[in-house]
Amino acid sequence: MNSLYGIKKMKKILVVMSLSFGFISAHAADEGAPKSIAGPVRALTMPALDDAVLLKQQLAGKQRSVLHKMRDKYRHPQQTLEFFDVKASMTVVEIWPGEGWYTEILAPYLKDKGKLYAAHFSADSDQPHYKKSLQVFANKLNAQPKIYGKVELTVLEPPKFLQIAPDGSADRVLTFRNVHNWMKSDQAATVFNAMYKALKPGGILGIVEHRNSPLKPQDVHALSGYVTEDYVIALARNAGFEFLEKSEINANSKDTKDYPEGVWTLPPVLKLKDKDRKKYLEIGESDRMTIKFIKPKPVLTTFLPEPF
């Protein structure tokens, strides 16, 4: 009898202890836990990549050819695009992209949040090498639609084709080593006007160009491929741009700018082929200006009523 009573009493004690411990645990958990635990479960989202990190990823990406990556030491794409303040959410026009050296970087960089217009030659051009260049570029875009599918091709072939993007739509217009080509055909002023028209007020024009010595008179047709900074600044100002800033990112003090075949004597063209090849390889690619301009915003004038 006493034994049975003791067993029942022990069971009651264990039940009370169990209930008490459960209450204390639940109370402690409620006091110590964040209030959001009791609320609805929220999905975790990864923070957006910083523009500099995203740009660096594209520079290392598999979409870039090995030969193109080898030229980074001369062209400094990350520093150049950062100097032009190109953000991943912007609308950008790349002028005369050639076979796509910079497009390999810009297209994936802008793909998700921005927009890239590639202003290339006309498919109806009467210049065979223009048509061939466009076809090579179009083949590149079509071969990798996941990377280049959102690139919009426009046409720049002055004086006939000048609509590089909808008027006032671009945050940035970028051109790399093209000014001398427009000077050769007497179309530099026309192209600068077209770039001005495409930019938003406050938009930036970024230019990289083979830099001529300021001590040499500038050939208006730039047959050597070299152009003075003052000449580029004058072209931009005549179109309505304001000078912002220049950089020595792409400078090369070894470039003497006095070669038999102009700038094309140097790599990557090496027009003299094996003649003095080692010498020109040691010089490297040309000395280049890196310069930016802004399309000014309109000045708002407030007219006060005349006093009575």
C-alpha atoms as a PDB file:
ATOM      1  CA  MET A   1       0.000   0.000   0.000  1.00  0.00           C
ATOM      2  CA  ASN A   2       2.739   2.430   1.001  1.00  0.00           C
ATOM      3  CA  SER A   3       4.722   1.410  -2.045  1.00  0.00           C
ATOM      4  CA  LEU A   4       1.810   2.100  -4.433  1.00  0.00           C
ATOM      5  CA  TYR A   5       1.148   5.462  -2.768  1.00  0.00           C
ATOM      6  CA  GLY A   6       4.805   6.406  -3.163  1.00  0.00           C
ATOM      7  CA  ILE A   7       4.779   5.592  -6.872  1.00  0.00           C
ATOM      8  CA  LYS A   8       1.654   7.720  -7.480  1.00  0.00           C
ATOM      9  CA  LYS A   9       3.112  10.613  -5.510  1.00  0.00           C
ATOM     10  CA  MET A  10       6.360  10.433  -7.488  1.00  0.00           C
ATOM     11  CA  LYS A  11       4.430  10.537 -10.799  1.00  0.00           C
ATOM     12  CA  LYS A  12       2.595  13.702  -9.663  1.00  0.00           C
ATOM     13  CA  ILE A  13       5.883  15.373  -8.743  1.00  0.00           C
ATOM     14  CA  LEU A  14       7.390  14.514 -12.139  1.00  0.00           C
ATOM     15  CA  VAL A  15       4.346  15.874 -13.999  1.00  0.00           C
ATOM     16  CA  VAL A  16       4.450  19.141 -12.011  1.00  0.00           C
ATOM     17  CA  MET A  17       8.189  19.498 -12.633  1.00  0.00           C
ATOM     18  CA  SER A  18       7.721  18.832 -16.339  1.00  0.00           C
ATOM     19  CA  LEU A  19       4.964  21.420 -16.648  1.00  0.00           C
ATOM     20  CA  SER A  20       6.921  23.971 -14.642  1.00  0.00           C
ATOM     21  CA  PHE A  21      10.057  23.477 -16.708  1.00  0.00           C
ATOM     22  CA  GLY A  22       8.049  23.802 -19.953  1.00  0.00           C
ATOM     23  CA  PHE A  23       6.473  27.048 -18.737  1.00  0.00           C
ATOM     24  CA  ILE A  24       9.834  28.492 -17.667  1.00  0.00           C
ATOM     25  CA  SER A  25      11.480  27.486 -20.957  1.00  0.00           C
ATOM     26  CA  ALA A  26       8.671  28.910 -23.049  1.00  0.00           C
ATOM     27  CA  HIS A  27       8.671  32.127 -20.998  1.00  0.00           C
ATOM     28  CA  ALA A  28      12.454  32.492 -21.285  1.00  0.00           C
ATOM     29  CA  ALA A  29      12.360  31.832 -25.035  1.00  0.00           C
ATOM     30  CA  ASP A  30       9.612  34.411 -25.461  1.00  0.00           C
ATOM     31  CA  GLU A  31      11.555  37.010 -23.487  1.00  0.00           C
ATOM     32  CA  GLY A  32      14.897  36.393 -25.217  1.00  0.00           C
ATOM     33  CA  ALA A  33      13.818  35.759 -28.821  1.00  0.00           C
ATOM     34  CA  PRO A  34      13.443  38.538 -31.393  1.00  0.00           C
ATOM     35  CA  LYS A  35       9.818  39.546 -31.856  1.00  0.00           C
ATOM     36  CA  SER A  36      10.039  38.851 -35.631  1.00  0.00           C
ATOM     37  CA  ILE A  37      10.283  35.096 -34.933  1.00  0.00           C
ATOM     38  CA  ALA A  38       6.618  35.056 -34.017  1.00  0.00           C
ATOM     39  CA  GLY A  39       5.737  37.015 -37.186  1.00  0.00           C
ATOM     40  CA  PRO A  40       5.625  35.962 -40.860  1.00  0.00           C
ATOM     41  CA  VAL A  41       8.772  34.435 -42.348  1.00  0.00           C
ATOM     42  CA  ARG A  42      10.561  36.824 -44.743  1.00  0.00           C
ATOM     43  CA  ALA A  43      12.737  35.676 -47.651  1.00  0.00           C
ATOM     44  CA  LEU A  44      16.369  36.742 -47.455  1.00  0.00           C
ATOM     45  CA  THR A  45      17.616  38.778 -50.426  1.00  0.00           C
ATOM     46  CA  MET A  46      21.217  39.256 -51.475  1.00  0.00           C
ATOM     47  CA  PRO A  47      22.397  42.866 -51.548  1.00  0.00           C
ATOM     48  CA  ALA A  48      23.005  44.351 -54.995  1.00  0.00           C
ATOM     49  CA  LEU A  49      26.590  44.224 -56.199  1.00  0.00           C
ATOM     50  CA  ASP A  50      28.520  47.462 -56.015  1.00  0.00           C
ATOM     51  CA  ASP A  51      29.143  48.910 -59.498  1.00  0.00           C
ATOM     52  CA  ALA A  52      32.928  48.628 -59.096  1.00  0.00           C
ATOM     53  CA  VAL A  53      32.639  44.951 -58.114  1.00  0.00           C
ATOM     54  CA  LEU A  54      30.235  44.221 -60.964  1.00  0.00           C
ATOM     55  CA  LEU A  55      32.527  45.953 -63.457  1.00  0.00           C
ATOM     56  CA  LYS A  56      35.500  43.958 -62.198  1.00  0.00           C
ATOM     57  CA  GLN A  57      33.530  40.744 -62.710  1.00  0.00           C
ATOM     58  CA  GLN A  58      32.838  41.650 -66.334  1.00  0.00           C
ATOM     59  CA  LEU A  59      36.520  42.393 -66.921  1.00  0.00           C
ATOM     60  CA  ALA A  60      37.361  38.874 -65.771  1.00  0.00           C
ATOM     61  CA  GLY A  61      34.387  37.303 -67.575  1.00  0.00           C
ATOM     62  CA  LYS A  62      34.603  34.478 -70.090  1.00  0.00           C
ATOM     63  CA  GLN A  63      32.849  36.604 -72.732  1.00  0.00           C
ATOM     64  CA  ARG A  64      36.103  38.559 -73.169  1.00  0.00           C
ATOM     65  CA  SER A  65      38.706  37.106 -75.504  1.00  0.00           C
ATOM     66  CA  VAL A  66      42.183  36.377 -74.188  1.00  0.00           C
ATOM     67  CA  LEU A  67      43.691  38.788 -76.715  1.00  0.00           C
ATOM     68  CA  HIS A  68      41.407  41.564 -75.501  1.00  0.00           C
ATOM     69  CA  LYS A  69      42.322  40.964 -71.869  1.00  0.00           C
ATOM     70  CA  MET A  70      45.996  41.205 -72.810  1.00  0.00           C
ATOM     71  CA  ARG A  71      45.421  44.827 -73.888  1.00  0.00           C
ATOM     72  CA  ASP A  72      44.024  45.901 -70.506  1.00  0.00           C
ATOM     73  CA  LYS A  73      47.500  47.085 -69.466  1.00  0.00           C
ATOM     74  CA  TYR A  74      47.299  49.701 -72.236  1.00  0.00           C
ATOM     75  CA  ARG A  75      43.593  50.494 -72.253  1.00  0.00           C
ATOM     76  CA  HIS A  76      42.836  50.401 -68.485  1.00  0.00           C
ATOM     77  CA  PRO A  77      39.105  49.728 -68.946  1.00  0.00           C
ATOM     78  CA  GLN A  78      38.088  49.712 -65.277  1.00  0.00           C
ATOM     79  CA  GLN A  79      39.819  52.994 -64.475  1.00  0.00           C
ATOM     80  CA  THR A  80      38.589  54.552 -67.724  1.00  0.00           C
ATOM     81  CA  LEU A  81      34.918  53.639 -67.214  1.00  0.00           C
ATOM     82  CA  GLU A  82      35.101  54.724 -63.577  1.00  0.00           C
ATOM     83  CA  PHE A  83      36.601  58.053 -64.654  1.00  0.00           C
ATOM     84  CA  PHE A  84      33.661  58.493 -67.028  1.00  0.00           C
ATOM     85  CA  ASP A  85      31.424  57.545 -64.058  1.00  0.00           C
ATOM     86  CA  VAL A  86      29.532  54.849 -65.949  1.00  0.00           C
ATOM     87  CA  LYS A  87      26.956  53.218 -63.658  1.00  0.00           C
ATOM     88  CA  ALA A  88      25.257  49.875 -64.283  1.00  0.00           C
ATOM     89  CA  SER A  89      21.818  51.535 -64.332  1.00  0.00           C
ATOM     90  CA  MET A  90      22.655  54.054 -67.069  1.00  0.00           C
ATOM     91  CA  THR A  91      21.771  54.406 -70.736  1.00  0.00           C
ATOM     92  CA  VAL A  92      25.077  54.382 -72.623  1.00  0.00           C
ATOM     93  CA  VAL A  93      25.943  54.893 -76.289  1.00  0.00           C
ATOM     94  CA  GLU A  94      29.159  53.305 -77.543  1.00  0.00           C
ATOM     95  CA  ILE A  95      30.288  55.036 -80.736  1.00  0.00           C
ATOM     96  CA  TRP A  96      31.791  52.929 -83.522  1.00  0.00           C
ATOM     97  CA  PRO A  97      32.512  49.861 -81.372  1.00  0.00           C
ATOM     98  CA  GLY A  98      34.522  48.095 -84.094  1.00  0.00           C
ATOM     99  CA  GLU A  99      34.494  44.369 -83.392  1.00  0.00           C
ATOM    100  CA  GLY A 100      33.492  44.950 -79.776  1.00  0.00           C
ATOM    101  CA  TRP A 101      36.466  45.372 -77.462  1.00  0.00           C
ATOM    102  CA  TYR A 102      34.568  47.596 -75.040  1.00  0.00           C
ATOM    103  CA  THR A 103      31.201  46.025 -75.876  1.00  0.00           C
ATOM    104  CA  GLU A 104      32.387  42.810 -74.211  1.00  0.00           C
ATOM    105  CA  ILE A 105      32.547  44.796 -70.972  1.00  0.00           C
ATOM    106  CA  LEU A 106      29.685  47.251 -71.331  1.00  0.00           C
ATOM    107  CA  ALA A 107      26.984  44.835 -72.559  1.00  0.00           C
ATOM    108  CA  PRO A 108      26.975  42.485 -69.550  1.00  0.00           C
ATOM    109  CA  TYR A 109      27.615  45.388 -67.155  1.00  0.00           C
ATOM    110  CA  LEU A 110      24.504  47.265 -68.327  1.00  0.00           C
ATOM    111  CA  LYS A 111      22.354  44.233 -69.192  1.00  0.00           C
ATOM    112  CA  ASP A 112      20.189  43.991 -66.065  1.00  0.00           C
ATOM    113  CA  LYS A 113      19.585  47.608 -65.048  1.00  0.00           C
ATOM    114  CA  GLY A 114      20.843  49.799 -67.887  1.00  0.00           C
ATOM    115  CA  LYS A 115      20.790  50.118 -71.667  1.00  0.00           C
ATOM    116  CA  LEU A 116      23.524  49.941 -74.304  1.00  0.00           C
ATOM    117  CA  TYR A 117      23.238  51.436 -77.781  1.00  0.00           C
ATOM    118  CA  ALA A 118      26.017  50.443 -80.172  1.00  0.00           C
ATOM    119  CA  ALA A 119      26.271  53.052 -82.933  1.00  0.00           C
ATOM    120  CA  HIS A 120      27.916  51.156 -85.787  1.00  0.00           C
ATOM    121  CA  PHE A 121      28.081  51.476 -89.568  1.00  0.00           C
ATOM    122  CA  SER A 122      25.133  51.160 -91.925  1.00  0.00           C
ATOM    123  CA  ALA A 123      24.254  47.809 -93.485  1.00  0.00           C
ATOM    124  CA  ASP A 124      23.654  49.786 -96.682  1.00  0.00           C
ATOM    125  CA  SER A 125      27.028  51.520 -96.616  1.00  0.00           C
ATOM    126  CA  ASP A 126      28.826  52.016 -99.897  1.00  0.00           C
ATOM    127  CA  GLN A 127      32.117  51.305 -98.069  1.00  0.00           C
ATOM    128  CA  PRO A 128      32.858  47.529 -98.231  1.00  0.00           C
ATOM    129  CA  HIS A 129      35.078  47.573 -95.123  1.00  0.00           C
ATOM    130  CA  TYR A 130      32.285  49.302 -93.161  1.00  0.00           C
ATOM    131  CA  LYS A 131      29.834  46.573 -94.126  1.00  0.00           C
ATOM    132  CA  LYS A 132      32.355  43.870 -93.237  1.00  0.00           C
ATOM    133  CA  SER A 133      33.068  45.468 -89.848  1.00  0.00           C
ATOM    134  CA  LEU A 134      29.342  45.661 -89.059  1.00  0.00           C
ATOM    135  CA  GLN A 135      28.838  42.009 -90.021  1.00  0.00           C
ATOM    136  CA  VAL A 136      31.654  40.854 -87.732  1.00  0.00           C
ATOM    137  CA  PHE A 137      30.135  42.836 -84.867  1.00  0.00           C
ATOM    138  CA  ALA A 138      26.584  41.581 -85.545  1.00  0.00           C
ATOM    139  CA  ASN A 139      27.843  37.988 -85.619  1.00  0.00           C
ATOM    140  CA  LYS A 140      29.424  38.543 -82.226  1.00  0.00           C
ATOM    141  CA  LEU A 141      26.147  39.811 -80.755  1.00  0.00           C
ATOM    142  CA  ASN A 142      24.097  36.987 -82.278  1.00  0.00           C
ATOM    143  CA  ALA A 143      26.492  34.285 -81.082  1.00  0.00           C
ATOM    144  CA  GLN A 144      25.884  35.048 -77.391  1.00  0.00           C
ATOM    145  CA  PRO A 145      22.313  36.328 -76.919  1.00  0.00           C
ATOM    146  CA  LYS A 146      22.436  35.919 -73.129  1.00  0.00           C
ATOM    147  CA  ILE A 147      25.172  38.543 -72.999  1.00  0.00           C
ATOM    148  CA  TYR A 148      24.426  40.742 -76.003  1.00  0.00           C
ATOM    149  CA  GLY A 149      20.716  40.162 -76.583  1.00  0.00           C
ATOM    150  CA  LYS A 150      19.716  43.544 -75.141  1.00  0.00           C
ATOM    151  CA  VAL A 151      22.263  45.595 -77.087  1.00  0.00           C
ATOM    152  CA  GLU A 152      20.479  47.879 -79.539  1.00  0.00           C
ATOM    153  CA  LEU A 153      22.265  48.568 -82.802  1.00  0.00           C
ATOM    154  CA  THR A 154      21.973  52.095 -84.187  1.00  0.00           C
ATOM    155  CA  VAL A 155      23.727  53.729 -87.123  1.00  0.00           C
ATOM    156  CA  LEU A 156      26.390  56.409 -87.258  1.00  0.00           C
ATOM    157  CA  GLU A 157      27.697  57.077 -90.732  1.00  0.00           C
ATOM    158  CA  PRO A 158      27.897  60.813 -91.303  1.00  0.00           C
ATOM    159  CA  PRO A 159      26.594  62.869 -92.888  1.00  0.00           C
ATOM    160  CA  LYS A 160      23.598  60.661 -93.706  1.00  0.00           C
ATOM    161  CA  PHE A 161      23.036  58.532 -90.573  1.00  0.00           C
ATOM    162  CA  LEU A 162      23.274  60.400 -87.261  1.00  0.00           C
ATOM    163  CA  GLN A 163      20.547  59.015 -84.968  1.00  0.00           C
ATOM    164  CA  ILE A 164      22.789  57.192 -82.466  1.00  0.00           C
ATOM    165  CA  ALA A 165      20.042  57.071 -79.796  1.00  0.00           C
ATOM    166  CA  PRO A 166      16.724  58.806 -79.126  1.00  0.00           C
ATOM    167  CA  ASP A 167      17.251  62.525 -78.563  1.00  0.00           C
ATOM    168  CA  GLY A 168      18.067  63.390 -74.945  1.00  0.00           C
ATOM    169  CA  SER A 169      18.018  59.750 -73.803  1.00  0.00           C
ATOM    170  CA  ALA A 170      21.655  58.917 -72.980  1.00  0.00           C
ATOM    171  CA  ASP A 171      23.446  59.340 -69.665  1.00  0.00           C
ATOM    172  CA  ARG A 172      26.807  58.653 -71.289  1.00  0.00           C
ATOM    173  CA  VAL A 173      28.218  58.708 -74.818  1.00  0.00           C
ATOM    174  CA  LEU A 174      31.612  57.004 -75.108  1.00  0.00           C
ATOM    175  CA  THR A 175      34.047  56.944 -77.999  1.00  0.00           C
ATOM    176  CA  PHE A 176      37.429  55.268 -78.091  1.00  0.00           C
ATOM    177  CA  ARG A 177      40.033  56.362 -80.678  1.00  0.00           C
ATOM    178  CA  ASN A 178      37.587  57.606 -83.303  1.00  0.00           C
ATOM    179  CA  VAL A 179      37.968  61.392 -83.497  1.00  0.00           C
ATOM    180  CA  HIS A 180      40.813  61.163 -86.039  1.00  0.00           C
ATOM    181  CA  ASN A 181      38.569  59.095 -88.333  1.00  0.00           C
ATOM    182  CA  TRP A 182      35.883  61.782 -88.353  1.00  0.00           C
ATOM    183  CA  MET A 183      38.495  64.463 -88.970  1.00  0.00           C
ATOM    184  CA  LYS A 184      39.819  62.519 -91.941  1.00  0.00           C
ATOM    185  CA  SER A 185      36.388  62.632 -93.586  1.00  0.00           C
ATOM    186  CA  ASP A 186      35.622  66.227 -92.505  1.00  0.00           C
ATOM    187  CA  GLN A 187      32.760  64.983 -90.327  1.00  0.00           C
ATOM    188  CA  ALA A 188      34.060  65.647 -86.798  1.00  0.00           C
ATOM    189  CA  ALA A 189      31.783  68.630 -86.124  1.00  0.00           C
ATOM    190  CA  THR A 190      28.770  66.696 -87.444  1.00  0.00           C
ATOM    191  CA  VAL A 191      29.432  63.747 -85.132  1.00  0.00           C
ATOM    192  CA  PHE A 192      29.995  65.936 -82.066  1.00  0.00           C
ATOM    193  CA  ASN A 193      26.620  67.569 -82.748  1.00  0.00           C
ATOM    194  CA  ALA A 194      24.982  64.126 -82.978  1.00  0.00           C
ATOM    195  CA  MET A 195      26.532  63.054 -79.663  1.00  0.00           C
ATOM    196  CA  TYR A 196      25.350  66.263 -78.022  1.00  0.00           C
ATOM    197  CA  LYS A 197      21.824  65.671 -79.313  1.00  0.00           C
ATOM    198  CA  ALA A 198      21.669  62.120 -77.931  1.00  0.00           C
ATOM    199  CA  LEU A 199      22.737  63.069 -74.404  1.00  0.00           C
ATOM    200  CA  LYS A 200      20.458  64.162 -71.611  1.00  0.00           C
ATOM    201  CA  PRO A 201      21.175  67.565 -70.091  1.00  0.00           C
ATOM    202  CA  GLY A 202      23.809  66.764 -67.486  1.00  0.00           C
ATOM    203  CA  GLY A 203      24.973  63.738 -69.482  1.00  0.00           C
ATOM    204  CA  ILE A 204      28.671  63.109 -70.052  1.00  0.00           C
ATOM    205  CA  LEU A 205      30.680  62.595 -73.224  1.00  0.00           C
ATOM    206  CA  GLY A 206      33.779  60.448 -72.623  1.00  0.00           C
ATOM    207  CA  ILE A 207      36.599  60.469 -75.187  1.00  0.00           C
ATOM    208  CA  VAL A 208      39.786  58.452 -75.497  1.00  0.00           C
ATOM    209  CA  GLU A 209      41.998  59.469 -78.430  1.00  0.00           C
ATOM    210  CA  HIS A 210      45.597  59.195 -79.641  1.00  0.00           C
ATOM    211  CA  ARG A 211      47.221  62.335 -78.236  1.00  0.00           C
ATOM    212  CA  ASN A 212      49.332  64.566 -80.435  1.00  0.00           C
ATOM    213  CA  SER A 213      52.073  66.819 -79.085  1.00  0.00           C
ATOM    214  CA  PRO A 214      50.754  70.306 -78.264  1.00  0.00           C
ATOM    215  CA  LEU A 215      53.929  71.692 -79.850  1.00  0.00           C
ATOM    216  CA  LYS A 216      52.997  70.337 -83.283  1.00  0.00           C
ATOM    217  CA  PRO A 217      50.482  72.049 -85.585  1.00  0.00           C
ATOM    218  CA  GLN A 218      47.358  69.956 -85.887  1.00  0.00           C
ATOM    219  CA  ASP A 219      46.640  68.484 -89.285  1.00  0.00           C
ATOM    220  CA  VAL A 220      42.898  69.078 -89.725  1.00  0.00           C
ATOM    221  CA  HIS A 221      42.586  65.612 -91.296  1.00  0.00           C
ATOM    222  CA  ALA A 222      44.697  63.889 -88.600  1.00  0.00           C
ATOM    223  CA  LEU A 223      46.402  61.642 -91.139  1.00  0.00           C
ATOM    224  CA  SER A 224      48.912  60.455 -88.523  1.00  0.00           C
ATOM    225  CA  GLY A 225      46.047  59.364 -86.255  1.00  0.00           C
ATOM    226  CA  TYR A 226      47.123  61.823 -83.544  1.00  0.00           C
ATOM    227  CA  VAL A 227      44.985  64.723 -82.317  1.00  0.00           C
ATOM    228  CA  THR A 228      45.823  67.459 -79.821  1.00  0.00           C
ATOM    229  CA  GLU A 229      43.759  67.846 -76.676  1.00  0.00           C
ATOM    230  CA  ASP A 230      43.078  71.480 -77.563  1.00  0.00           C
ATOM    231  CA  TYR A 231      41.592  70.446 -80.902  1.00  0.00           C
ATOM    232  CA  VAL A 232      39.244  67.906 -79.245  1.00  0.00           C
ATOM    233  CA  ILE A 233      38.231  70.462 -76.620  1.00  0.00           C
ATOM    234  CA  ALA A 234      37.446  72.986 -79.358  1.00  0.00           C
ATOM    235  CA  LEU A 235      35.308  70.445 -81.250  1.00  0.00           C
ATOM    236  CA  ALA A 236      33.350  69.660 -78.094  1.00  0.00           C
ATOM    237  CA  ARG A 237      32.833  73.291 -77.108  1.00  0.00           C
ATOM    238  CA  ASN A 238      31.679  74.207 -80.599  1.00  0.00           C
ATOM    239  CA  ALA A 239      28.965  71.552 -80.255  1.00  0.00           C
ATOM    240  CA  GLY A 240      27.801  73.022 -76.940  1.00  0.00           C
ATOM    241  CA  PHE A 241      29.691  70.853 -74.455  1.00  0.00           C
ATOM    242  CA  GLU A 242      31.521  72.141 -71.396  1.00  0.00           C
ATOM    243  CA  PHE A 243      34.929  70.734 -70.485  1.00  0.00           C
ATOM    244  CA  LEU A 244      34.872  68.781 -67.216  1.00  0.00           C
ATOM    245  CA  GLU A 245      38.138  66.987 -66.557  1.00  0.00           C
ATOM    246  CA  LYS A 246      40.973  65.002 -68.089  1.00  0.00           C
ATOM    247  CA  SER A 247      43.027  62.085 -66.823  1.00  0.00           C
ATOM    248  CA  GLU A 248      46.415  60.489 -67.477  1.00  0.00           C
ATOM    249  CA  ILE A 249      45.016  56.958 -67.104  1.00  0.00           C
ATOM    250  CA  ASN A 250      45.949  56.032 -70.669  1.00  0.00           C
ATOM    251  CA  ALA A 251      49.136  58.076 -71.016  1.00  0.00           C
ATOM    252  CA  ASN A 252      52.336  56.585 -72.476  1.00  0.00           C
ATOM    253  CA  SER A 253      55.447  58.751 -72.181  1.00  0.00           C
ATOM    254  CA  LYS A 254      57.404  56.368 -74.467  1.00  0.00           C
ATOM    255  CA  ASP A 255      55.295  57.347 -77.470  1.00  0.00           C
ATOM    256  CA  THR A 256      57.294  59.865 -79.556  1.00  0.00           C
ATOM    257  CA  LYS A 257      54.484  60.281 -82.137  1.00  0.00           C
ATOM    258  CA  ASP A 258      56.827  60.487 -85.147  1.00  0.00           C
ATOM    259  CA  TYR A 259      56.546  57.186 -86.983  1.00  0.00           C
ATOM    260  CA  PRO A 260      56.628  56.260 -90.691  1.00  0.00           C
ATOM    261  CA  GLU A 261      53.054  54.954 -90.643  1.00  0.00           C
ATOM    262  CA  GLY A 262      51.691  57.248 -87.971  1.00  0.00           C
ATOM    263  CA  VAL A 263      50.070  55.755 -84.891  1.00  0.00           C
ATOM    264  CA  TRP A 264      49.486  52.474 -86.763  1.00  0.00           C
ATOM    265  CA  THR A 265      53.236  51.813 -86.596  1.00  0.00           C
ATOM    266  CA  LEU A 266      52.704  50.912 -82.931  1.00  0.00           C
ATOM    267  CA  PRO A 267      50.857  47.866 -81.571  1.00  0.00           C
ATOM    268  CA  PRO A 268      48.321  46.478 -81.926  1.00  0.00           C
ATOM    269  CA  VAL A 269      48.466  47.202 -85.697  1.00  0.00           C
ATOM    270  CA  LEU A 270      52.271  47.101 -86.188  1.00  0.00           C
ATOM    271  CA  LYS A 271      51.892  48.221 -89.785  1.00  0.00           C
ATOM    272  CA  LEU A 272      55.611  47.786 -90.535  1.00  0.00           C
ATOM    273  CA  LYS A 273      55.234  44.122 -89.548  1.00  0.00           C
ATOM    274  CA  ASP A 274      58.665  42.708 -88.651  1.00  0.00           C
ATOM    275  CA  LYS A 275      60.634  45.886 -89.303  1.00  0.00           C
ATOM    276  CA  ASP A 276      61.761  47.292 -85.920  1.00  0.00           C
ATOM    277  CA  ARG A 277      59.052  45.147 -84.349  1.00  0.00           C
ATOM    278  CA  LYS A 278      60.863  44.773 -81.027  1.00  0.00           C
ATOM    279  CA  LYS A 279      61.355  48.534 -80.782  1.00  0.00           C
ATOM    280  CA  TYR A 280      57.674  49.287 -81.284  1.00  0.00           C
ATOM    281  CA  LEU A 281      56.544  46.520 -78.950  1.00  0.00           C
ATOM    282  CA  GLU A 282      58.735  48.029 -76.247  1.00  0.00           C
ATOM    283  CA  ILE A 283      57.064  51.408 -76.765  1.00  0.00           C
ATOM    284  CA  GLY A 284      53.633  49.800 -76.462  1.00  0.00           C
ATOM    285  CA  GLU A 285      50.317  51.277 -77.538  1.00  0.00           C
ATOM    286  CA  SER A 286      49.889  55.005 -78.162  1.00  0.00           C
ATOM    287  CA  ASP A 287      49.826  57.856 -75.689  1.00  0.00           C
ATOM    288  CA  ARG A 288      46.135  58.685 -75.236  1.00  0.00           C
ATOM    289  CA  MET A 289      44.108  61.530 -73.846  1.00  0.00           C
ATOM    290  CA  THR A 290      41.190  60.543 -71.604  1.00  0.00           C
ATOM    291  CA  ILE A 291      38.842  63.467 -71.352  1.00  0.00           C
ATOM    292  CA  LYS A 292      35.232  64.154 -70.442  1.00  0.00           C
ATOM    293  CA  PHE A 293      32.684  66.833 -71.212  1.00  0.00           C
ATOM    294  CA  ILE A 294      29.186  67.586 -69.960  1.00  0.00           C
ATOM    295  CA  LYS A 295      26.045  68.666 -71.785  1.00  0.00           C
ATOM    296  CA  PRO A 296      24.987  71.602 -69.610  1.00  0.00           C
ATOM    297  CA  LYS A 297      21.577  71.697 -68.032  1.00  0.00           C
ATOM    298  CA  PRO A 298      19.354  74.597 -69.115  1.00  0.00           C
ATOM    299  CA  VAL A 299      19.465  77.610 -66.850  1.00  0.00           C
ATOM    300  CA  LEU A 300      16.062  78.410 -65.386  1.00  0.00           C
ATOM    301  CA  THR A 301      15.384  82.131 -65.298  1.00  0.00           C
ATOM    302  CA  THR A 302      12.843  83.539 -62.870  1.00  0.00           C
ATOM    303  CA  PHE A 303      11.019  86.620 -64.072  1.00  0.00           C
ATOM    304  CA  LEU A 304       9.837  88.854 -61.259  1.00  0.00           C
ATOM    305  CA  PRO A 305       6.893  91.179 -61.878  1.00  0.00           C
ATOM    306  CA  GLU A 306       7.757  94.810 -62.279  1.00  0.00           C
ATOM    307  CA  PRO A 307       6.905  96.961 -59.272  1.00  0.00           C
ATOM    308  CA  PHE A 308       3.778  99.084 -59.515  1.00  0.00           C
END
